[in-house]
């Protein structure tokens, strides 16, 4: 099973050098264990664009889709045999990046 793991933050460009070292080490552990699929950081939500093409005329709006105090600052996509393994792995990931994480299973068709 694959899982999307959102890194939750309330500050832009907040990663410290020590956190980056810990994240790199954690990513190496994911790779070594066969759990790594993909990971990346995300730009600040103020640089986002929301596209709503559901109506007759598309509506394109600058900025985040919702006013919020926290947002997804990055993400992992991991492979794990079950939710318990994913939770155990990402408990370590939360410690490595010093942030709260949101774990969600990915459904593929």
PDB file of N, CA and C in Angstrom:
ATOM      1  N   UNK A   1       0.836  -1.177   0.000  1.00  0.00           N
ATOM      2  CA  UNK A   1       0.000   0.000   0.000  1.00  0.00           C
ATOM      3  C   UNK A   1       0.881   1.240   0.000  1.00  0.00           C
ATOM      4  N   UNK A   2       0.389   2.264  -0.648  1.00  0.00           N
ATOM      5  CA  UNK A   2       1.095   3.538  -0.632  1.00  0.00           C
ATOM      6  C   UNK A   2       0.351   4.525   0.258  1.00  0.00           C
ATOM      7  N   UNK A   3       1.136   5.424   0.860  1.00  0.00           N
ATOM      8  CA  UNK A   3       0.598   6.438   1.749  1.00  0.00           C
ATOM      9  C   UNK A   3       1.175   7.789   1.386  1.00  0.00           C
ATOM     10  N   UNK A   4       0.322   8.800   1.400  1.00  0.00           N
ATOM     11  CA  UNK A   4       0.741  10.189   1.286  1.00  0.00           C
ATOM     12  C   UNK A   4       0.903  10.717   2.693  1.00  0.00           C
ATOM     13  N   UNK A   5       2.031  11.345   2.952  1.00  0.00           N
ATOM     14  CA  UNK A   5       2.305  11.904   4.272  1.00  0.00           C
ATOM     15  C   UNK A   5       2.563  13.393   4.100  1.00  0.00           C
ATOM     16  N   UNK A   6       1.639  14.210   4.570  1.00  0.00           N
ATOM     17  CA  UNK A   6       1.793  15.660   4.503  1.00  0.00           C
ATOM     18  C   UNK A   6       2.561  16.162   5.716  1.00  0.00           C
ATOM     19  N   UNK A   7       3.533  17.026   5.455  1.00  0.00           N
ATOM     20  CA  UNK A   7       4.280  17.685   6.526  1.00  0.00           C
ATOM     21  C   UNK A   7       3.539  18.977   6.843  1.00  0.00           C
ATOM     22  N   UNK A   8       3.106  19.136   8.087  1.00  0.00           N
ATOM     23  CA  UNK A   8       2.282  20.279   8.482  1.00  0.00           C
ATOM     24  C   UNK A   8       3.167  21.342   9.124  1.00  0.00           C
ATOM     25  N   UNK A   9       3.054  22.574   8.632  1.00  0.00           N
ATOM     26  CA  UNK A   9       3.855  23.675   9.157  1.00  0.00           C
ATOM     27  C   UNK A   9       3.014  24.941   9.174  1.00  0.00           C
ATOM     28  N   UNK A  10       3.486  25.929   9.909  1.00  0.00           N
ATOM     29  CA  UNK A  10       2.800  27.220   9.970  1.00  0.00           C
ATOM     30  C   UNK A  10       3.738  28.362   9.597  1.00  0.00           C
ATOM     31  N   UNK A  11       4.964  28.001   9.188  1.00  0.00           N
ATOM     32  CA  UNK A  11       5.960  29.006   8.840  1.00  0.00           C
ATOM     33  C   UNK A  11       6.564  28.674   7.486  1.00  0.00           C
ATOM     34  N   UNK A  12       6.949  29.678   6.739  1.00  0.00           N
ATOM     35  CA  UNK A  12       7.579  29.471   5.441  1.00  0.00           C
ATOM     36  C   UNK A  12       9.089  29.324   5.619  1.00  0.00           C
ATOM     37  N   UNK A  13       9.681  28.451   4.819  1.00  0.00           N
ATOM     38  CA  UNK A  13      11.137  28.264   4.816  1.00  0.00           C
ATOM     39  C   UNK A  13      11.678  28.089   6.227  1.00  0.00           C
ATOM     40  N   UNK A  14      11.051  27.219   7.001  1.00  0.00           N
ATOM     41  CA  UNK A  14      11.373  27.114   8.416  1.00  0.00           C
ATOM     42  C   UNK A  14      12.360  26.000   8.748  1.00  0.00           C
ATOM     43  N   UNK A  15      12.752  25.197   7.788  1.00  0.00           N
ATOM     44  CA  UNK A  15      13.647  24.079   8.069  1.00  0.00           C
ATOM     45  C   UNK A  15      15.036  24.542   8.469  1.00  0.00           C
ATOM     46  N   UNK A  16      15.547  23.966   9.539  1.00  0.00           N
ATOM     47  CA  UNK A  16      16.892  24.295   9.997  1.00  0.00           C
ATOM     48  C   UNK A  16      17.898  23.336   9.375  1.00  0.00           C
ATOM     49  N   UNK A  17      19.167  23.677   9.466  1.00  0.00           N
ATOM     50  CA  UNK A  17      20.222  22.809   8.950  1.00  0.00           C
ATOM     51  C   UNK A  17      20.204  21.458   9.667  1.00  0.00           C
ATOM     52  N   UNK A  18      20.015  21.462  10.978  1.00  0.00           N
ATOM     53  CA  UNK A  18      19.952  20.197  11.744  1.00  0.00           C
ATOM     54  C   UNK A  18      18.763  19.348  11.307  1.00  0.00           C
ATOM     55  N   UNK A  19      17.616  19.985  11.057  1.00  0.00           N
ATOM     56  CA  UNK A  19      16.440  19.240  10.592  1.00  0.00           C
ATOM     57  C   UNK A  19      16.710  18.622   9.219  1.00  0.00           C
ATOM     58  N   UNK A  20      17.386  19.347   8.343  1.00  0.00           N
ATOM     59  CA  UNK A  20      17.677  18.816   7.008  1.00  0.00           C
ATOM     60  C   UNK A  20      18.585  17.592   7.096  1.00  0.00           C
ATOM     61  N   UNK A  21      19.562  17.614   8.003  1.00  0.00           N
ATOM     62  CA  UNK A  21      20.432  16.449   8.204  1.00  0.00           C
ATOM     63  C   UNK A  21      19.604  15.266   8.691  1.00  0.00           C
ATOM     64  N   UNK A  22      18.721  15.489   9.647  1.00  0.00           N
ATOM     65  CA  UNK A  22      17.870  14.421  10.181  1.00  0.00           C
ATOM     66  C   UNK A  22      16.911  13.893   9.114  1.00  0.00           C
ATOM     67  N   UNK A  23      16.357  14.769   8.305  1.00  0.00           N
ATOM     68  CA  UNK A  23      15.445  14.347   7.230  1.00  0.00           C
ATOM     69  C   UNK A  23      16.196  13.511   6.202  1.00  0.00           C
ATOM     70  N   UNK A  24      17.401  13.946   5.826  1.00  0.00           N
ATOM     71  CA  UNK A  24      18.200  13.168   4.867  1.00  0.00           C
ATOM     72  C   UNK A  24      18.496  11.767   5.403  1.00  0.00           C
ATOM     73  N   UNK A  25      18.833  11.675   6.680  1.00  0.00           N
ATOM     74  CA  UNK A  25      19.103  10.365   7.292  1.00  0.00           C
ATOM     75  C   UNK A  25      17.836   9.509   7.308  1.00  0.00           C
ATOM     76  N   UNK A  26      16.698  10.118   7.621  1.00  0.00           N
ATOM     77  CA  UNK A  26      15.433   9.384   7.619  1.00  0.00           C
ATOM     78  C   UNK A  26      15.094   8.917   6.209  1.00  0.00           C
ATOM     79  N   UNK A  27      15.284   9.774   5.213  1.00  0.00           N
ATOM     80  CA  UNK A  27      15.021   9.384   3.824  1.00  0.00           C
ATOM     81  C   UNK A  27      15.906   8.209   3.410  1.00  0.00           C
ATOM     82  N   UNK A  28      17.175   8.216   3.839  1.00  0.00           N
ATOM     83  CA  UNK A  28      18.067   7.096   3.546  1.00  0.00           C
ATOM     84  C   UNK A  28      17.532   5.802   4.165  1.00  0.00           C
ATOM     85  N   UNK A  29      16.978   5.902   5.380  1.00  0.00           N
ATOM     86  CA  UNK A  29      16.391   4.735   6.033  1.00  0.00           C
ATOM     87  C   UNK A  29      15.181   4.223   5.250  1.00  0.00           C
ATOM     88  N   UNK A  30      14.337   5.150   4.770  1.00  0.00           N
ATOM     89  CA  UNK A  30      13.190   4.735   3.959  1.00  0.00           C
ATOM     90  C   UNK A  30      13.660   4.014   2.697  1.00  0.00           C
ATOM     91  N   UNK A  31      14.682   4.555   2.033  1.00  0.00           N
ATOM     92  CA  UNK A  31      15.204   3.921   0.816  1.00  0.00           C
ATOM     93  C   UNK A  31      15.749   2.532   1.117  1.00  0.00           C
ATOM     94  N   UNK A  32      16.551   2.424   2.183  1.00  0.00           N
ATOM     95  CA  UNK A  32      17.173   1.147   2.545  1.00  0.00           C
ATOM     96  C   UNK A  32      16.123   0.089   2.886  1.00  0.00           C
ATOM     97  N   UNK A  33      15.001   0.506   3.451  1.00  0.00           N
ATOM     98  CA  UNK A  33      13.941  -0.427   3.825  1.00  0.00           C
ATOM     99  C   UNK A  33      12.942  -0.709   2.724  1.00  0.00           C
ATOM    100  N   UNK A  34      13.123  -0.085   1.550  1.00  0.00           N
ATOM    101  CA  UNK A  34      12.196  -0.301   0.442  1.00  0.00           C
ATOM    102  C   UNK A  34      10.878   0.440   0.582  1.00  0.00           C
ATOM    103  N   UNK A  35      10.846   1.460   1.439  1.00  0.00           N
ATOM    104  CA  UNK A  35       9.604   2.213   1.672  1.00  0.00           C
ATOM    105  C   UNK A  35       9.538   3.503   0.862  1.00  0.00           C
ATOM    106  N   UNK A  36      10.638   3.949   0.309  1.00  0.00           N
ATOM    107  CA  UNK A  36      10.720   5.228  -0.393  1.00  0.00           C
ATOM    108  C   UNK A  36       9.996   5.146  -1.727  1.00  0.00           C
ATOM    109  N   UNK A  37       9.129   6.111  -2.003  1.00  0.00           N
ATOM    110  CA  UNK A  37       8.555   6.289  -3.334  1.00  0.00           C
ATOM    111  C   UNK A  37       8.949   7.666  -3.853  1.00  0.00           C
ATOM    112  N   UNK A  38       8.652   8.724  -3.065  1.00  0.00           N
ATOM    113  CA  UNK A  38       8.950  10.081  -3.507  1.00  0.00           C
ATOM    114  C   UNK A  38       8.759  11.018  -2.331  1.00  0.00           C
ATOM    115  N   UNK A  39       9.484  12.128  -2.334  1.00  0.00           N
ATOM    116  CA  UNK A  39       9.292  13.168  -1.320  1.00  0.00           C
ATOM    117  C   UNK A  39       9.702  14.505  -1.910  1.00  0.00           C
ATOM    118  N   UNK A  40       9.111  15.583  -1.387  1.00  0.00           N
ATOM    119  CA  UNK A  40       9.453  16.920  -1.857  1.00  0.00           C
ATOM    120  C   UNK A  40       8.923  17.960  -0.886  1.00  0.00           C
ATOM    121  N   UNK A  41       9.533  19.125  -0.933  1.00  0.00           N
ATOM    122  CA  UNK A  41       9.008  20.279  -0.224  1.00  0.00           C
ATOM    123  C   UNK A  41       8.075  21.043  -1.143  1.00  0.00           C
ATOM    124  N   UNK A  42       7.263  21.888  -0.562  1.00  0.00           N
ATOM    125  CA  UNK A  42       6.315  22.685  -1.344  1.00  0.00           C
ATOM    126  C   UNK A  42       6.569  24.172  -1.118  1.00  0.00           C
ATOM    127  N   UNK A  43       6.306  24.960  -2.140  1.00  0.00           N
ATOM    128  CA  UNK A  43       6.410  26.415  -2.027  1.00  0.00           C
ATOM    129  C   UNK A  43       5.352  26.932  -1.053  1.00  0.00           C
ATOM    130  N   UNK A  44       5.588  28.116  -0.540  1.00  0.00           N
ATOM    131  CA  UNK A  44       4.648  28.766   0.370  1.00  0.00           C
ATOM    132  C   UNK A  44       3.267  28.852  -0.280  1.00  0.00           C
ATOM    133  N   UNK A  45       2.200  28.635   0.494  1.00  0.00           N
ATOM    134  CA  UNK A  45       0.858  28.655  -0.098  1.00  0.00           C
ATOM    135  C   UNK A  45       0.461  30.001  -0.698  1.00  0.00           C
ATOM    136  N   UNK A  46       1.115  31.082  -0.301  1.00  0.00           N
ATOM    137  CA  UNK A  46       0.788  32.372  -0.904  1.00  0.00           C
ATOM    138  C   UNK A  46       1.203  32.435  -2.371  1.00  0.00           C
ATOM    139  N   UNK A  47       2.051  31.509  -2.809  1.00  0.00           N
ATOM    140  CA  UNK A  47       2.467  31.479  -4.213  1.00  0.00           C
ATOM    141  C   UNK A  47       1.593  30.544  -5.050  1.00  0.00           C
ATOM    142  N   UNK A  48       0.558  29.979  -4.427  1.00  0.00           N
ATOM    143  CA  UNK A  48      -0.285  29.022  -5.138  1.00  0.00           C
ATOM    144  C   UNK A  48      -1.329  29.713  -6.014  1.00  0.00           C
ATOM    145  N   UNK A  49      -1.905  28.923  -6.911  1.00  0.00           N
ATOM    146  CA  UNK A  49      -3.005  29.366  -7.757  1.00  0.00           C
ATOM    147  C   UNK A  49      -4.097  28.309  -7.685  1.00  0.00           C
ATOM    148  N   UNK A  50      -5.321  28.737  -7.470  1.00  0.00           N
ATOM    149  CA  UNK A  50      -6.463  27.830  -7.402  1.00  0.00           C
ATOM    150  C   UNK A  50      -7.204  27.911  -8.728  1.00  0.00           C
ATOM    151  N   UNK A  51      -7.476  26.750  -9.330  1.00  0.00           N
ATOM    152  CA  UNK A  51      -8.162  26.672 -10.615  1.00  0.00           C
ATOM    153  C   UNK A  51      -9.479  25.945 -10.409  1.00  0.00           C
ATOM    154  N   UNK A  52     -10.586  26.577 -10.778  1.00  0.00           N
ATOM    155  CA  UNK A  52     -11.900  25.942 -10.699  1.00  0.00           C
ATOM    156  C   UNK A  52     -12.510  25.950 -12.096  1.00  0.00           C
ATOM    157  N   UNK A  53     -12.404  24.811 -12.771  1.00  0.00           N
ATOM    158  CA  UNK A  53     -12.916  24.698 -14.131  1.00  0.00           C
ATOM    159  C   UNK A  53     -14.256  23.999 -14.204  1.00  0.00           C
ATOM    160  N   UNK A  54     -14.990  23.975 -13.106  1.00  0.00           N
ATOM    161  CA  UNK A  54     -16.255  23.231 -13.076  1.00  0.00           C
ATOM    162  C   UNK A  54     -17.391  23.933 -13.796  1.00  0.00           C
ATOM    163  N   UNK A  55     -17.356  25.226 -13.902  1.00  0.00           N
ATOM    164  CA  UNK A  55     -18.451  25.956 -14.537  1.00  0.00           C
ATOM    165  C   UNK A  55     -18.190  26.209 -16.010  1.00  0.00           C
ATOM    166  N   UNK A  56     -19.003  27.069 -16.597  1.00  0.00           N
ATOM    167  CA  UNK A  56     -18.843  27.411 -18.007  1.00  0.00           C
ATOM    168  C   UNK A  56     -17.565  28.197 -18.255  1.00  0.00           C
ATOM    169  N   UNK A  57     -17.197  29.018 -17.289  1.00  0.00           N
ATOM    170  CA  UNK A  57     -15.985  29.824 -17.399  1.00  0.00           C
ATOM    171  C   UNK A  57     -15.069  29.471 -16.233  1.00  0.00           C
ATOM    172  N   UNK A  58     -13.824  29.086 -16.520  1.00  0.00           N
ATOM    173  CA  UNK A  58     -12.930  28.750 -15.416  1.00  0.00           C
ATOM    174  C   UNK A  58     -12.629  29.973 -14.545  1.00  0.00           C
ATOM    175  N   UNK A  59     -12.480  29.726 -13.251  1.00  0.00           N
ATOM    176  CA  UNK A  59     -12.120  30.786 -12.308  1.00  0.00           C
ATOM    177  C   UNK A  59     -10.724  30.459 -11.788  1.00  0.00           C
ATOM    178  N   UNK A  60      -9.814  31.400 -11.971  1.00  0.00           N
ATOM    179  CA  UNK A  60      -8.430  31.228 -11.535  1.00  0.00           C
ATOM    180  C   UNK A  60      -8.136  32.311 -10.505  1.00  0.00           C
ATOM    181  N   UNK A  61      -7.720  31.874  -9.307  1.00  0.00           N
ATOM    182  CA  UNK A  61      -7.517  32.782  -8.191  1.00  0.00           C
ATOM    183  C   UNK A  61      -6.118  32.604  -7.634  1.00  0.00           C
ATOM    184  N   UNK A  62      -5.423  33.704  -7.390  1.00  0.00           N
ATOM    185  CA  UNK A  62      -4.109  33.639  -6.752  1.00  0.00           C
ATOM    186  C   UNK A  62      -4.267  33.404  -5.265  1.00  0.00           C
ATOM    187  N   UNK A  63      -3.279  32.712  -4.696  1.00  0.00           N
ATOM    188  CA  UNK A  63      -3.253  32.516  -3.255  1.00  0.00           C
ATOM    189  C   UNK A  63      -3.816  31.184  -2.831  1.00  0.00           C
ATOM    190  N   UNK A  64      -3.754  30.889  -1.555  1.00  0.00           N
ATOM    191  CA  UNK A  64      -4.206  29.583  -1.064  1.00  0.00           C
ATOM    192  C   UNK A  64      -5.707  29.405  -1.234  1.00  0.00           C
ATOM    193  N   UNK A  65      -6.125  28.143  -1.299  1.00  0.00           N
ATOM    194  CA  UNK A  65      -7.549  27.855  -1.481  1.00  0.00           C
ATOM    195  C   UNK A  65      -8.341  28.113  -0.217  1.00  0.00           C
ATOM    196  N   UNK A  66      -7.663  28.165   0.921  1.00  0.00           N
ATOM    197  CA  UNK A  66      -8.358  28.422   2.191  1.00  0.00           C
ATOM    198  C   UNK A  66      -7.438  29.217   3.111  1.00  0.00           C
ATOM    199  N   UNK A  67      -8.020  30.106   3.864  1.00  0.00           N
ATOM    200  CA  UNK A  67      -7.252  30.821   4.884  1.00  0.00           C
ATOM    201  C   UNK A  67      -7.063  29.861   6.054  1.00  0.00           C
ATOM    202  N   UNK A  68      -5.830  29.618   6.411  1.00  0.00           N
ATOM    203  CA  UNK A  68      -5.540  28.665   7.467  1.00  0.00           C
ATOM    204  C   UNK A  68      -4.247  29.031   8.170  1.00  0.00           C
ATOM    205  N   UNK A  69      -4.087  28.576   9.389  1.00  0.00           N
ATOM    206  CA  UNK A  69      -2.874  28.850  10.151  1.00  0.00           C
ATOM    207  C   UNK A  69      -1.770  27.849   9.836  1.00  0.00           C
ATOM    208  N   UNK A  70      -2.145  26.680   9.303  1.00  0.00           N
ATOM    209  CA  UNK A  70      -1.178  25.639   8.974  1.00  0.00           C
ATOM    210  C   UNK A  70      -1.449  25.138   7.557  1.00  0.00           C
ATOM    211  N   UNK A  71      -0.430  24.547   6.960  1.00  0.00           N
ATOM    212  CA  UNK A  71      -0.558  24.056   5.587  1.00  0.00           C
ATOM    213  C   UNK A  71       0.438  22.927   5.355  1.00  0.00           C
ATOM    214  N   UNK A  72       0.278  22.262   4.223  1.00  0.00           N
ATOM    215  CA  UNK A  72       1.231  21.228   3.816  1.00  0.00           C
ATOM    216  C   UNK A  72       2.479  21.921   3.280  1.00  0.00           C
ATOM    217  N   UNK A  73       3.595  21.714   3.968  1.00  0.00           N
ATOM    218  CA  UNK A  73       4.859  22.340   3.589  1.00  0.00           C
ATOM    219  C   UNK A  73       5.735  21.392   2.777  1.00  0.00           C
ATOM    220  N   UNK A  74       5.354  20.139   2.742  1.00  0.00           N
ATOM    221  CA  UNK A  74       6.090  19.120   2.003  1.00  0.00           C
ATOM    222  C   UNK A  74       5.340  17.813   2.135  1.00  0.00           C
ATOM    223  N   UNK A  75       5.894  16.766   1.518  1.00  0.00           N
ATOM    224  CA  UNK A  75       5.205  15.484   1.591  1.00  0.00           C
ATOM    225  C   UNK A  75       6.163  14.345   1.278  1.00  0.00           C
ATOM    226  N   UNK A  76       5.782  13.178   1.735  1.00  0.00           N
ATOM    227  CA  UNK A  76       6.397  11.921   1.345  1.00  0.00           C
ATOM    228  C   UNK A  76       5.300  11.076   0.711  1.00  0.00           C
ATOM    229  N   UNK A  77       5.677  10.238  -0.216  1.00  0.00           N
ATOM    230  CA  UNK A  77       4.841   9.111  -0.625  1.00  0.00           C
ATOM    231  C   UNK A  77       5.668   7.883  -0.285  1.00  0.00           C
ATOM    232  N   UNK A  78       5.109   7.038   0.574  1.00  0.00           N
ATOM    233  CA  UNK A  78       5.843   5.863   1.029  1.00  0.00           C
ATOM    234  C   UNK A  78       5.089   4.590   0.680  1.00  0.00           C
ATOM    235  N   UNK A  79       5.809   3.501   0.702  1.00  0.00           N
ATOM    236  CA  UNK A  79       5.248   2.167   0.497  1.00  0.00           C
ATOM    237  C   UNK A  79       5.366   1.432   1.827  1.00  0.00           C
ATOM    238  N   UNK A  80       4.274   0.848   2.286  1.00  0.00           N
ATOM    239  CA  UNK A  80       4.290   0.067   3.524  1.00  0.00           C
ATOM    240  C   UNK A  80       3.260  -1.050   3.395  1.00  0.00           C
ATOM    241  N   UNK A  81       3.521  -2.196   4.016  1.00  0.00           N
ATOM    242  CA  UNK A  81       2.592  -3.316   3.882  1.00  0.00           C
ATOM    243  C   UNK A  81       1.250  -3.089   4.570  1.00  0.00           C
ATOM    244  N   UNK A  82       1.243  -2.177   5.568  1.00  0.00           N
ATOM    245  CA  UNK A  82      -0.012  -1.894   6.261  1.00  0.00           C
ATOM    246  C   UNK A  82       0.110  -0.568   7.010  1.00  0.00           C
ATOM    247  N   UNK A  83      -1.008  -0.127   7.563  1.00  0.00           N
ATOM    248  CA  UNK A  83      -1.070   1.155   8.272  1.00  0.00           C
ATOM    249  C   UNK A  83      -0.176   1.179   9.508  1.00  0.00           C
ATOM    250  N   UNK A  84      -0.084   0.071  10.222  1.00  0.00           N
ATOM    251  CA  UNK A  84       0.752   0.044  11.424  1.00  0.00           C
ATOM    252  C   UNK A  84       2.219   0.306  11.096  1.00  0.00           C
ATOM    253  N   UNK A  85       2.708  -0.293  10.026  1.00  0.00           N
ATOM    254  CA  UNK A  85       4.097  -0.060   9.608  1.00  0.00           C
ATOM    255  C   UNK A  85       4.263   1.393   9.175  1.00  0.00           C
ATOM    256  N   UNK A  86       3.300   1.902   8.416  1.00  0.00           N
ATOM    257  CA  UNK A  86       3.369   3.300   7.968  1.00  0.00           C
ATOM    258  C   UNK A  86       3.386   4.248   9.169  1.00  0.00           C
ATOM    259  N   UNK A  87       2.552   3.981  10.163  1.00  0.00           N
ATOM    260  CA  UNK A  87       2.527   4.829  11.367  1.00  0.00           C
ATOM    261  C   UNK A  87       3.856   4.772  12.114  1.00  0.00           C
ATOM    262  N   UNK A  88       4.429   3.589  12.242  1.00  0.00           N
ATOM    263  CA  UNK A  88       5.716   3.459  12.930  1.00  0.00           C
ATOM    264  C   UNK A  88       6.808   4.219  12.187  1.00  0.00           C
ATOM    265  N   UNK A  89       6.840   4.077  10.859  1.00  0.00           N
ATOM    266  CA  UNK A  89       7.844   4.791  10.072  1.00  0.00           C
ATOM    267  C   UNK A  89       7.693   6.298  10.217  1.00  0.00           C
ATOM    268  N   UNK A  90       6.472   6.783  10.091  1.00  0.00           N
ATOM    269  CA  UNK A  90       6.277   8.218  10.052  1.00  0.00           C
ATOM    270  C   UNK A  90       6.296   8.854  11.439  1.00  0.00           C
ATOM    271  N   UNK A  91       6.220   8.046  12.487  1.00  0.00           N
ATOM    272  CA  UNK A  91       6.501   8.566  13.827  1.00  0.00           C
ATOM    273  C   UNK A  91       7.962   9.010  13.870  1.00  0.00           C
ATOM    274  N   UNK A  92       8.841   8.211  13.255  1.00  0.00           N
ATOM    275  CA  UNK A  92      10.245   8.606  13.132  1.00  0.00           C
ATOM    276  C   UNK A  92      10.399   9.815  12.213  1.00  0.00           C
ATOM    277  N   UNK A  93       9.605   9.851  11.149  1.00  0.00           N
ATOM    278  CA  UNK A  93       9.654  10.983  10.223  1.00  0.00           C
ATOM    279  C   UNK A  93       9.255  12.282  10.890  1.00  0.00           C
ATOM    280  N   UNK A  94       8.253  12.231  11.749  1.00  0.00           N
ATOM    281  CA  UNK A  94       7.817  13.425  12.480  1.00  0.00           C
ATOM    282  C   UNK A  94       8.934  13.942  13.374  1.00  0.00           C
ATOM    283  N   UNK A  95       9.617  13.024  14.015  1.00  0.00           N
ATOM    284  CA  UNK A  95      10.736  13.422  14.874  1.00  0.00           C
ATOM    285  C   UNK A  95      11.866  14.016  14.029  1.00  0.00           C
ATOM    286  N   UNK A  96      12.157  13.391  12.882  1.00  0.00           N
ATOM    287  CA  UNK A  96      13.249  13.857  12.021  1.00  0.00           C
ATOM    288  C   UNK A  96      13.013  15.272  11.506  1.00  0.00           C
ATOM    289  N   UNK A  97      11.795  15.556  11.072  1.00  0.00           N
ATOM    290  CA  UNK A  97      11.525  16.885  10.496  1.00  0.00           C
ATOM    291  C   UNK A  97      11.005  17.878  11.525  1.00  0.00           C
ATOM    292  N   UNK A  98      10.747  17.389  12.747  1.00  0.00           N
ATOM    293  CA  UNK A  98      10.294  18.261  13.831  1.00  0.00           C
ATOM    294  C   UNK A  98       8.979  18.957  13.497  1.00  0.00           C
ATOM    295  N   UNK A  99       8.085  18.207  12.861  1.00  0.00           N
ATOM    296  CA  UNK A  99       6.783  18.733  12.468  1.00  0.00           C
ATOM    297  C   UNK A  99       5.725  17.643  12.679  1.00  0.00           C
ATOM    298  N   UNK A 100       4.463  18.061  12.755  1.00  0.00           N
ATOM    299  CA  UNK A 100       3.358  17.100  12.746  1.00  0.00           C
ATOM    300  C   UNK A 100       3.200  16.588  11.323  1.00  0.00           C
ATOM    301  N   UNK A 101       2.713  15.356  11.198  1.00  0.00           N
ATOM    302  CA  UNK A 101       2.496  14.748   9.892  1.00  0.00           C
ATOM    303  C   UNK A 101       1.066  14.238   9.792  1.00  0.00           C
ATOM    304  N   UNK A 102       0.549  14.238   8.584  1.00  0.00           N
ATOM    305  CA  UNK A 102      -0.766  13.659   8.301  1.00  0.00           C
ATOM    306  C   UNK A 102      -0.562  12.470   7.371  1.00  0.00           C
ATOM    307  N   UNK A 103      -1.000  11.296   7.781  1.00  0.00           N
ATOM    308  CA  UNK A 103      -0.859  10.055   7.010  1.00  0.00           C
ATOM    309  C   UNK A 103      -2.188   9.717   6.348  1.00  0.00           C
ATOM    310  N   UNK A 104      -2.159   9.504   5.029  1.00  0.00           N
ATOM    311  CA  UNK A 104      -3.380   9.131   4.305  1.00  0.00           C
ATOM    312  C   UNK A 104      -3.043   8.080   3.263  1.00  0.00           C
ATOM    313  N   UNK A 105      -3.847   7.017   3.209  1.00  0.00           N
ATOM    314  CA  UNK A 105      -3.640   5.973   2.215  1.00  0.00           C
ATOM    315  C   UNK A 105      -3.958   6.514   0.823  1.00  0.00           C
ATOM    316  N   UNK A 106      -3.167   6.084  -0.141  1.00  0.00           N
ATOM    317  CA  UNK A 106      -3.382   6.451  -1.545  1.00  0.00           C
ATOM    318  C   UNK A 106      -4.154   5.319  -2.216  1.00  0.00           C
ATOM    319  N   UNK A 107      -5.248   5.669  -2.872  1.00  0.00           N
ATOM    320  CA  UNK A 107      -6.025   4.680  -3.618  1.00  0.00           C
ATOM    321  C   UNK A 107      -5.700   4.837  -5.100  1.00  0.00           C
ATOM    322  N   UNK A 108      -5.320   3.739  -5.731  1.00  0.00           N
ATOM    323  CA  UNK A 108      -5.026   3.772  -7.161  1.00  0.00           C
ATOM    324  C   UNK A 108      -6.024   2.901  -7.894  1.00  0.00           C
ATOM    325  N   UNK A 109      -6.280   3.244  -9.130  1.00  0.00           N
ATOM    326  CA  UNK A 109      -7.312   2.528  -9.872  1.00  0.00           C
ATOM    327  C   UNK A 109      -6.813   1.513 -10.805  1.00  0.00           C
TER     328      UNK A 109
END
